[in-house]
Amino acid sequence: MERAINIACTQLTYDEQYIQILVADAITDEVESAFAVHSGRIDLITDDGLHRSSDIVLSFVRYSPKLAEGGIFAVEDPHGSF
């Protein structure tokens, strides 16, 4: 399955400076390095990937340690992995 990334999402802007969006293939080492630039803990991570269980697990393993206490790791359309 090809990884389709909607690059138009990078144009989203918010008035609050603490909201940042990283649009990329999250299970790559390069993106993990880019993600690491955001020091501190993250309140919300949304995985809107390929909806395959293996990718969801890889994403969770990589990024859940960066969640703030009480933070949320949301997976979009998990039913697609069954």
N, C-alpha and C. Protein backbone atom coordinates (compact mmCIF):
# COMPACT_ATOMS: atom_id res chain seq x y z
N MET A 1 0.84 -1.17 0.00
CA MET A 1 0.00 0.00 0.00
C MET A 1 0.89 1.24 0.00
N GLU A 2 0.64 2.15 -0.90
CA GLU A 2 1.44 3.36 -1.02
C GLU A 2 1.08 4.34 0.09
N ARG A 3 2.07 5.04 0.56
CA ARG A 3 1.86 6.04 1.60
C ARG A 3 1.53 7.37 0.92
N ALA A 4 0.28 7.77 0.99
CA ALA A 4 -0.16 9.03 0.38
C ALA A 4 -0.17 10.10 1.46
N ILE A 5 0.60 11.13 1.23
CA ILE A 5 0.67 12.23 2.18
C ILE A 5 0.10 13.47 1.50
N ASN A 6 -0.90 14.07 2.12
CA ASN A 6 -1.51 15.27 1.58
C ASN A 6 -0.69 16.47 2.04
N ILE A 7 0.19 16.91 1.19
CA ILE A 7 1.12 17.98 1.52
C ILE A 7 0.39 19.30 1.77
N ALA A 8 -0.84 19.44 1.30
CA ALA A 8 -1.63 20.66 1.55
C ALA A 8 -1.86 20.88 3.04
N CYS A 9 -1.81 19.82 3.81
CA CYS A 9 -1.99 19.95 5.27
C CYS A 9 -0.90 20.79 5.92
N THR A 10 0.23 20.91 5.27
CA THR A 10 1.32 21.73 5.82
C THR A 10 0.97 23.21 5.81
N GLN A 11 -0.07 23.59 5.07
CA GLN A 11 -0.48 24.99 4.99
C GLN A 11 -1.43 25.40 6.11
N LEU A 12 -1.85 24.44 6.93
CA LEU A 12 -2.73 24.76 8.05
C LEU A 12 -2.01 25.67 9.03
N THR A 13 -2.70 26.68 9.51
CA THR A 13 -2.11 27.59 10.49
C THR A 13 -3.08 27.79 11.65
N TYR A 14 -2.52 28.14 12.79
CA TYR A 14 -3.29 28.37 14.01
C TYR A 14 -2.76 29.60 14.70
N ASP A 15 -3.64 30.32 15.37
CA ASP A 15 -3.23 31.52 16.11
C ASP A 15 -2.33 31.16 17.29
N GLU A 16 -2.57 30.00 17.89
CA GLU A 16 -1.79 29.58 19.05
C GLU A 16 -0.45 29.03 18.59
N GLN A 17 0.64 29.60 19.07
CA GLN A 17 1.97 29.18 18.64
C GLN A 17 2.35 27.79 19.15
N TYR A 18 1.68 27.32 20.20
CA TYR A 18 2.03 26.02 20.75
C TYR A 18 1.47 24.87 19.91
N ILE A 19 0.63 25.17 18.92
CA ILE A 19 0.12 24.12 18.04
C ILE A 19 1.02 24.04 16.83
N GLN A 20 1.58 22.86 16.62
CA GLN A 20 2.45 22.64 15.47
C GLN A 20 2.03 21.35 14.79
N ILE A 21 2.11 21.36 13.47
CA ILE A 21 1.72 20.19 12.69
C ILE A 21 2.93 19.68 11.92
N LEU A 22 3.14 18.40 12.00
CA LEU A 22 4.19 17.75 11.24
C LEU A 22 3.51 16.75 10.32
N VAL A 23 3.59 16.98 9.01
CA VAL A 23 2.94 16.13 8.02
C VAL A 23 4.04 15.31 7.35
N ALA A 24 4.04 14.00 7.62
CA ALA A 24 5.11 13.17 7.08
C ALA A 24 4.81 11.70 7.35
N ASP A 25 5.65 10.83 6.82
CA ASP A 25 5.56 9.40 7.08
C ASP A 25 6.18 9.14 8.45
N ALA A 26 5.34 8.98 9.44
CA ALA A 26 5.78 8.98 10.84
C ALA A 26 6.65 7.80 11.24
N ILE A 27 6.68 6.74 10.46
CA ILE A 27 7.46 5.59 10.90
C ILE A 27 8.86 5.55 10.28
N THR A 28 9.32 6.72 9.81
CA THR A 28 10.68 6.79 9.28
C THR A 28 11.61 7.42 10.33
N ASP A 29 12.88 7.07 10.27
CA ASP A 29 13.87 7.63 11.19
C ASP A 29 14.00 9.13 11.02
N GLU A 30 13.90 9.62 9.77
CA GLU A 30 14.05 11.04 9.50
C GLU A 30 12.95 11.86 10.19
N VAL A 31 11.74 11.33 10.15
CA VAL A 31 10.64 12.06 10.78
C VAL A 31 10.75 12.00 12.30
N GLU A 32 11.20 10.87 12.81
CA GLU A 32 11.40 10.79 14.26
C GLU A 32 12.42 11.83 14.71
N SER A 33 13.47 12.03 13.92
CA SER A 33 14.48 13.04 14.24
C SER A 33 13.88 14.44 14.19
N ALA A 34 13.06 14.71 13.18
CA ALA A 34 12.40 16.01 13.07
C ALA A 34 11.44 16.23 14.23
N PHE A 35 10.78 15.18 14.64
CA PHE A 35 9.84 15.25 15.76
C PHE A 35 10.57 15.56 17.06
N ALA A 36 11.78 15.05 17.18
CA ALA A 36 12.57 15.23 18.40
C ALA A 36 12.94 16.69 18.63
N VAL A 37 12.90 17.50 17.58
CA VAL A 37 13.21 18.92 17.70
C VAL A 37 12.24 19.60 18.66
N HIS A 38 11.03 19.09 18.74
CA HIS A 38 10.02 19.64 19.64
C HIS A 38 10.33 19.16 21.05
N SER A 39 11.06 20.00 21.79
CA SER A 39 11.45 19.59 23.13
C SER A 39 10.24 19.59 24.05
N GLY A 40 10.37 18.94 25.14
CA GLY A 40 9.27 18.85 26.08
C GLY A 40 8.32 17.73 25.69
N ARG A 41 7.22 17.70 26.34
CA ARG A 41 6.24 16.64 26.13
C ARG A 41 5.12 17.14 25.23
N ILE A 42 4.52 16.21 24.52
CA ILE A 42 3.46 16.49 23.56
C ILE A 42 2.12 16.12 24.19
N ASP A 43 1.12 16.98 24.04
CA ASP A 43 -0.20 16.73 24.62
C ASP A 43 -1.07 15.81 23.76
N LEU A 44 -0.93 15.91 22.45
CA LEU A 44 -1.77 15.14 21.54
C LEU A 44 -0.98 14.72 20.32
N ILE A 45 -1.00 13.44 20.04
CA ILE A 45 -0.43 12.90 18.81
C ILE A 45 -1.56 12.18 18.09
N THR A 46 -1.76 12.51 16.82
CA THR A 46 -2.79 11.85 16.02
C THR A 46 -2.12 11.06 14.91
N ASP A 47 -2.36 9.77 14.88
CA ASP A 47 -1.83 8.89 13.84
C ASP A 47 -2.94 8.68 12.82
N ASP A 48 -2.77 9.28 11.66
CA ASP A 48 -3.72 9.12 10.55
C ASP A 48 -2.96 8.47 9.40
N GLY A 49 -2.51 7.25 9.64
CA GLY A 49 -1.65 6.57 8.69
C GLY A 49 -2.38 5.61 7.78
N LEU A 50 -1.70 4.52 7.49
CA LEU A 50 -2.24 3.52 6.56
C LEU A 50 -3.30 2.61 7.18
N HIS A 51 -3.49 2.74 8.46
CA HIS A 51 -4.52 1.96 9.16
C HIS A 51 -4.18 0.47 9.20
N ARG A 52 -2.90 0.17 9.14
CA ARG A 52 -2.46 -1.22 9.32
C ARG A 52 -1.96 -1.36 10.74
N SER A 53 -2.31 -2.48 11.37
CA SER A 53 -1.91 -2.69 12.76
C SER A 53 -0.41 -2.53 12.94
N SER A 54 0.38 -3.07 12.03
CA SER A 54 1.84 -2.99 12.18
C SER A 54 2.33 -1.55 12.18
N ASP A 55 1.76 -0.69 11.33
CA ASP A 55 2.16 0.71 11.30
C ASP A 55 1.70 1.45 12.55
N ILE A 56 0.51 1.12 13.04
CA ILE A 56 -0.01 1.76 14.25
C ILE A 56 0.90 1.43 15.43
N VAL A 57 1.31 0.17 15.53
CA VAL A 57 2.19 -0.24 16.63
C VAL A 57 3.55 0.47 16.51
N LEU A 58 4.11 0.51 15.30
CA LEU A 58 5.40 1.19 15.12
C LEU A 58 5.32 2.66 15.51
N SER A 59 4.26 3.32 15.10
CA SER A 59 4.07 4.72 15.43
C SER A 59 3.93 4.91 16.94
N PHE A 60 3.15 4.06 17.57
CA PHE A 60 2.95 4.17 19.02
C PHE A 60 4.25 3.94 19.77
N VAL A 61 5.02 2.95 19.37
CA VAL A 61 6.29 2.65 20.04
C VAL A 61 7.25 3.83 19.90
N ARG A 62 7.29 4.44 18.73
CA ARG A 62 8.20 5.56 18.51
C ARG A 62 7.82 6.81 19.29
N TYR A 63 6.52 7.12 19.33
CA TYR A 63 6.12 8.45 19.79
C TYR A 63 5.42 8.50 21.15
N SER A 64 4.88 7.42 21.63
CA SER A 64 4.18 7.47 22.92
C SER A 64 5.09 7.92 24.07
N PRO A 65 6.39 7.60 24.06
CA PRO A 65 7.24 8.09 25.15
C PRO A 65 7.35 9.62 25.20
N LYS A 66 6.98 10.30 24.14
CA LYS A 66 7.07 11.75 24.09
C LYS A 66 5.80 12.43 24.61
N LEU A 67 4.78 11.62 24.94
CA LEU A 67 3.52 12.19 25.44
C LEU A 67 3.68 12.74 26.85
N ALA A 68 3.03 13.87 27.08
CA ALA A 68 2.96 14.43 28.43
C ALA A 68 2.10 13.51 29.29
N GLU A 69 2.26 13.61 30.60
CA GLU A 69 1.40 12.84 31.49
C GLU A 69 -0.05 13.24 31.21
N GLY A 70 -0.89 12.26 30.96
CA GLY A 70 -2.28 12.53 30.62
C GLY A 70 -2.48 12.84 29.15
N GLY A 71 -1.39 12.79 28.36
CA GLY A 71 -1.47 13.07 26.93
C GLY A 71 -2.26 11.99 26.19
N ILE A 72 -2.64 12.30 24.97
CA ILE A 72 -3.48 11.39 24.18
C ILE A 72 -2.76 11.00 22.89
N PHE A 73 -2.77 9.70 22.61
CA PHE A 73 -2.28 9.18 21.34
C PHE A 73 -3.51 8.68 20.61
N ALA A 74 -3.97 9.44 19.62
CA ALA A 74 -5.20 9.11 18.90
C ALA A 74 -4.86 8.42 17.58
N VAL A 75 -5.60 7.37 17.27
CA VAL A 75 -5.42 6.65 16.01
C VAL A 75 -6.70 6.81 15.20
N GLU A 76 -6.55 7.38 14.01
CA GLU A 76 -7.68 7.61 13.13
C GLU A 76 -8.00 6.33 12.35
N ASP A 77 -9.24 5.96 12.30
CA ASP A 77 -9.73 4.78 11.57
C ASP A 77 -9.03 3.46 11.94
N PRO A 78 -8.95 3.12 13.22
CA PRO A 78 -8.29 1.85 13.58
C PRO A 78 -9.03 0.61 13.07
N HIS A 79 -10.31 0.76 12.76
CA HIS A 79 -11.07 -0.40 12.28
C HIS A 79 -10.54 -0.90 10.93
N GLY A 80 -9.80 -0.06 10.21
CA GLY A 80 -9.25 -0.47 8.93
C GLY A 80 -8.11 -1.47 9.06
N SER A 81 -7.66 -1.70 10.28
CA SER A 81 -6.53 -2.62 10.48
C SER A 81 -6.99 -4.07 10.71
N PHE A 82 -8.29 -4.28 10.69
CA PHE A 82 -8.80 -5.64 10.93
C PHE A 82 -9.15 -6.33 9.65
